[in-house]
Amino acid sequence: MYKQLTSEQRYTISVLLQNRTKQKDIAKAINVSASTVSREIRRNSGVRRHYNWETAQANAVQTRRRKPGNRSVDKDVMEEAKRLLI
């Protein structure tokens, strides 16, 4: 099952990258696959290839908000929809 990285995991990635830790070892440290770490770094590194965990977390939150999903429907709207369908 797919799970997004937590802010703690992103912070750990940032610290370990600054210490020049290999991506494979970072993945082991935060218990995710190496490809997850690679993808996270690629998506959230700036022009200078610098990974900023705070920016990465803000991007993830913004993406989550934009993503369509189960939206709660007003009770009156739901009743009207049921009435029209029956």
N, C-alpha and C. Protein backbone atom coordinates (compact mmCIF):
# COMPACT_ATOMS: atom_id res chain seq x y z
N MET A 1 0.84 -1.18 0.00
CA MET A 1 0.00 0.00 0.00
C MET A 1 0.89 1.25 0.00
N TYR A 2 0.45 2.26 -0.72
CA TYR A 2 1.22 3.49 -0.87
C TYR A 2 1.04 4.38 0.35
N LYS A 3 2.15 4.90 0.88
CA LYS A 3 2.10 5.86 1.98
C LYS A 3 3.09 6.97 1.67
N GLN A 4 2.67 8.19 1.95
CA GLN A 4 3.58 9.32 1.73
C GLN A 4 4.60 9.39 2.84
N LEU A 5 5.72 10.00 2.53
CA LEU A 5 6.75 10.19 3.55
C LEU A 5 6.27 11.19 4.59
N THR A 6 6.72 11.00 5.80
CA THR A 6 6.37 11.93 6.88
C THR A 6 7.38 13.07 6.90
N SER A 7 7.05 14.11 7.63
CA SER A 7 7.99 15.24 7.74
C SER A 7 9.27 14.79 8.43
N GLU A 8 9.16 13.86 9.38
CA GLU A 8 10.35 13.34 10.06
C GLU A 8 11.26 12.60 9.08
N GLN A 9 10.66 11.81 8.19
CA GLN A 9 11.46 11.10 7.20
C GLN A 9 12.14 12.08 6.25
N ARG A 10 11.42 13.12 5.85
CA ARG A 10 12.01 14.13 4.97
C ARG A 10 13.16 14.85 5.66
N TYR A 11 12.99 15.16 6.93
CA TYR A 11 14.06 15.81 7.69
C TYR A 11 15.29 14.89 7.75
N THR A 12 15.05 13.61 8.00
CA THR A 12 16.15 12.64 8.06
C THR A 12 16.88 12.57 6.73
N ILE A 13 16.13 12.56 5.64
CA ILE A 13 16.76 12.55 4.31
C ILE A 13 17.67 13.77 4.17
N SER A 14 17.17 14.92 4.57
CA SER A 14 17.94 16.16 4.45
C SER A 14 19.24 16.09 5.24
N VAL A 15 19.15 15.66 6.49
CA VAL A 15 20.34 15.58 7.35
C VAL A 15 21.34 14.58 6.80
N LEU A 16 20.86 13.42 6.40
CA LEU A 16 21.77 12.39 5.90
C LEU A 16 22.40 12.79 4.57
N LEU A 17 21.66 13.51 3.73
CA LEU A 17 22.25 14.00 2.48
C LEU A 17 23.37 14.99 2.76
N GLN A 18 23.17 15.84 3.76
CA GLN A 18 24.22 16.80 4.13
C GLN A 18 25.47 16.09 4.63
N ASN A 19 25.28 14.90 5.21
CA ASN A 19 26.41 14.10 5.68
C ASN A 19 26.96 13.19 4.59
N ARG A 20 26.47 13.39 3.37
CA ARG A 20 26.91 12.62 2.20
C ARG A 20 26.65 11.12 2.34
N THR A 21 25.54 10.77 2.95
CA THR A 21 25.14 9.38 3.09
C THR A 21 24.55 8.90 1.76
N LYS A 22 24.83 7.67 1.38
CA LYS A 22 24.30 7.10 0.14
C LYS A 22 22.78 6.95 0.25
N GLN A 23 22.13 7.09 -0.89
CA GLN A 23 20.67 6.99 -0.92
C GLN A 23 20.19 5.63 -0.41
N LYS A 24 20.94 4.59 -0.73
CA LYS A 24 20.58 3.24 -0.28
C LYS A 24 20.58 3.17 1.25
N ASP A 25 21.55 3.80 1.87
CA ASP A 25 21.64 3.80 3.33
C ASP A 25 20.57 4.70 3.97
N ILE A 26 20.24 5.78 3.28
CA ILE A 26 19.15 6.64 3.76
C ILE A 26 17.85 5.85 3.75
N ALA A 27 17.63 5.11 2.68
CA ALA A 27 16.41 4.31 2.56
C ALA A 27 16.29 3.30 3.71
N LYS A 28 17.39 2.66 4.04
CA LYS A 28 17.38 1.72 5.17
C LYS A 28 17.08 2.43 6.48
N ALA A 29 17.62 3.62 6.65
CA ALA A 29 17.44 4.36 7.90
C ALA A 29 15.99 4.77 8.13
N ILE A 30 15.27 5.07 7.04
CA ILE A 30 13.88 5.51 7.20
C ILE A 30 12.88 4.43 6.78
N ASN A 31 13.40 3.23 6.49
CA ASN A 31 12.57 2.06 6.22
C ASN A 31 11.67 2.23 4.99
N VAL A 32 12.27 2.70 3.89
CA VAL A 32 11.58 2.77 2.61
C VAL A 32 12.53 2.24 1.54
N SER A 33 12.03 2.09 0.32
CA SER A 33 12.89 1.60 -0.75
C SER A 33 13.83 2.70 -1.23
N ALA A 34 14.91 2.27 -1.83
CA ALA A 34 15.89 3.22 -2.37
C ALA A 34 15.27 4.07 -3.47
N SER A 35 14.36 3.47 -4.25
CA SER A 35 13.71 4.24 -5.32
C SER A 35 12.82 5.34 -4.75
N THR A 36 12.23 5.12 -3.58
CA THR A 36 11.41 6.15 -2.94
C THR A 36 12.28 7.34 -2.58
N VAL A 37 13.45 7.08 -2.02
CA VAL A 37 14.37 8.15 -1.64
C VAL A 37 14.85 8.89 -2.89
N SER A 38 15.21 8.15 -3.91
CA SER A 38 15.68 8.75 -5.16
C SER A 38 14.61 9.65 -5.76
N ARG A 39 13.39 9.16 -5.80
CA ARG A 39 12.27 9.93 -6.36
C ARG A 39 12.00 11.19 -5.53
N GLU A 40 12.04 11.05 -4.22
CA GLU A 40 11.82 12.19 -3.32
C GLU A 40 12.87 13.28 -3.55
N ILE A 41 14.12 12.87 -3.67
CA ILE A 41 15.20 13.84 -3.89
C ILE A 41 15.06 14.51 -5.25
N ARG A 42 14.75 13.71 -6.27
CA ARG A 42 14.61 14.25 -7.62
C ARG A 42 13.45 15.25 -7.70
N ARG A 43 12.32 14.92 -7.09
CA ARG A 43 11.14 15.78 -7.15
C ARG A 43 11.32 17.08 -6.37
N ASN A 44 12.09 17.03 -5.31
CA ASN A 44 12.13 18.16 -4.39
C ASN A 44 13.50 18.82 -4.26
N SER A 45 14.33 18.65 -5.26
CA SER A 45 15.62 19.35 -5.26
C SER A 45 15.51 20.54 -6.19
N GLY A 46 16.09 21.63 -5.77
CA GLY A 46 16.04 22.85 -6.56
C GLY A 46 17.02 22.82 -7.71
N VAL A 47 17.21 23.97 -8.30
CA VAL A 47 18.10 24.12 -9.45
C VAL A 47 19.52 23.69 -9.11
N ARG A 48 19.93 23.99 -7.90
CA ARG A 48 21.29 23.65 -7.47
C ARG A 48 21.39 22.23 -6.90
N ARG A 49 20.34 21.45 -7.10
CA ARG A 49 20.29 20.06 -6.63
C ARG A 49 20.37 19.98 -5.11
N HIS A 50 19.83 20.99 -4.43
CA HIS A 50 19.83 21.02 -2.97
C HIS A 50 18.45 20.61 -2.47
N TYR A 51 18.38 19.60 -1.62
CA TYR A 51 17.12 19.09 -1.08
C TYR A 51 16.77 19.86 0.18
N ASN A 52 15.58 20.45 0.21
CA ASN A 52 15.10 21.17 1.38
C ASN A 52 13.86 20.45 1.89
N TRP A 53 13.95 19.87 3.08
CA TRP A 53 12.85 19.05 3.60
C TRP A 53 11.60 19.88 3.87
N GLU A 54 11.75 21.14 4.26
CA GLU A 54 10.57 21.97 4.55
C GLU A 54 9.79 22.27 3.27
N THR A 55 10.51 22.57 2.21
CA THR A 55 9.86 22.81 0.92
C THR A 55 9.21 21.52 0.42
N ALA A 56 9.90 20.40 0.58
CA ALA A 56 9.36 19.12 0.16
C ALA A 56 8.06 18.80 0.91
N GLN A 57 8.03 19.06 2.21
CA GLN A 57 6.84 18.80 3.01
C GLN A 57 5.70 19.73 2.58
N ALA A 58 6.00 20.99 2.34
CA ALA A 58 4.97 21.94 1.89
C ALA A 58 4.40 21.52 0.54
N ASN A 59 5.25 21.06 -0.36
CA ASN A 59 4.79 20.57 -1.66
C ASN A 59 3.88 19.36 -1.50
N ALA A 60 4.23 18.46 -0.61
CA ALA A 60 3.42 17.26 -0.38
C ALA A 60 2.05 17.61 0.17
N VAL A 61 2.01 18.54 1.11
CA VAL A 61 0.73 18.97 1.69
C VAL A 61 -0.13 19.63 0.62
N GLN A 62 0.47 20.48 -0.18
CA GLN A 62 -0.26 21.17 -1.24
C GLN A 62 -0.81 20.17 -2.26
N THR A 63 -0.01 19.19 -2.64
CA THR A 63 -0.44 18.16 -3.58
C THR A 63 -1.60 17.36 -3.01
N ARG A 64 -1.52 17.02 -1.74
CA ARG A 64 -2.57 16.26 -1.08
C ARG A 64 -3.89 17.03 -1.09
N ARG A 65 -3.82 18.33 -0.89
CA ARG A 65 -5.03 19.17 -0.88
C ARG A 65 -5.67 19.26 -2.26
N ARG A 66 -4.84 19.30 -3.30
CA ARG A 66 -5.36 19.42 -4.67
C ARG A 66 -5.92 18.11 -5.20
N LYS A 67 -5.47 17.00 -4.65
CA LYS A 67 -5.85 15.70 -5.17
C LYS A 67 -7.33 15.44 -4.97
N PRO A 68 -8.03 15.06 -6.05
CA PRO A 68 -9.44 14.73 -5.87
C PRO A 68 -9.56 13.43 -5.09
N GLY A 69 -10.57 13.34 -4.33
CA GLY A 69 -10.76 12.13 -3.53
C GLY A 69 -12.17 12.11 -2.99
N ASN A 70 -12.35 11.39 -1.95
CA ASN A 70 -13.66 11.34 -1.33
C ASN A 70 -13.96 12.70 -0.71
N ARG A 71 -14.92 13.34 -1.25
CA ARG A 71 -15.35 14.62 -0.71
C ARG A 71 -16.68 14.40 0.01
N SER A 72 -16.85 15.05 1.12
CA SER A 72 -18.12 14.91 1.82
C SER A 72 -19.18 15.71 1.06
N VAL A 73 -20.34 15.10 0.93
CA VAL A 73 -21.44 15.72 0.21
C VAL A 73 -22.48 16.16 1.22
N ASP A 74 -22.98 17.35 1.02
CA ASP A 74 -24.02 17.88 1.89
C ASP A 74 -25.19 16.90 1.95
N LYS A 75 -25.77 16.73 3.12
CA LYS A 75 -26.85 15.76 3.31
C LYS A 75 -28.04 16.05 2.39
N ASP A 76 -28.40 17.33 2.24
CA ASP A 76 -29.52 17.70 1.37
C ASP A 76 -29.24 17.35 -0.09
N VAL A 77 -28.01 17.57 -0.51
CA VAL A 77 -27.63 17.25 -1.89
C VAL A 77 -27.71 15.74 -2.11
N MET A 78 -27.25 14.97 -1.13
CA MET A 78 -27.29 13.52 -1.24
C MET A 78 -28.74 13.02 -1.33
N GLU A 79 -29.61 13.56 -0.51
CA GLU A 79 -31.02 13.17 -0.54
C GLU A 79 -31.65 13.50 -1.89
N GLU A 80 -31.34 14.66 -2.43
CA GLU A 80 -31.88 15.06 -3.74
C GLU A 80 -31.36 14.13 -4.84
N ALA A 81 -30.10 13.78 -4.77
CA ALA A 81 -29.52 12.86 -5.76
C ALA A 81 -30.20 11.50 -5.68
N LYS A 82 -30.41 11.00 -4.48
CA LYS A 82 -31.10 9.71 -4.31
C LYS A 82 -32.51 9.78 -4.87
N ARG A 83 -33.21 10.89 -4.58
CA ARG A 83 -34.59 11.05 -5.05
C ARG A 83 -34.63 11.04 -6.57
N LEU A 84 -33.69 11.72 -7.21
CA LEU A 84 -33.67 11.80 -8.67
C LEU A 84 -33.29 10.47 -9.31
N LEU A 85 -32.47 9.69 -8.64
CA LEU A 85 -32.04 8.40 -9.19
C LEU A 85 -33.09 7.30 -9.05
N ILE A 86 -33.96 7.46 -8.10
CA ILE A 86 -34.96 6.40 -7.85
C ILE A 86 -36.20 6.61 -8.65
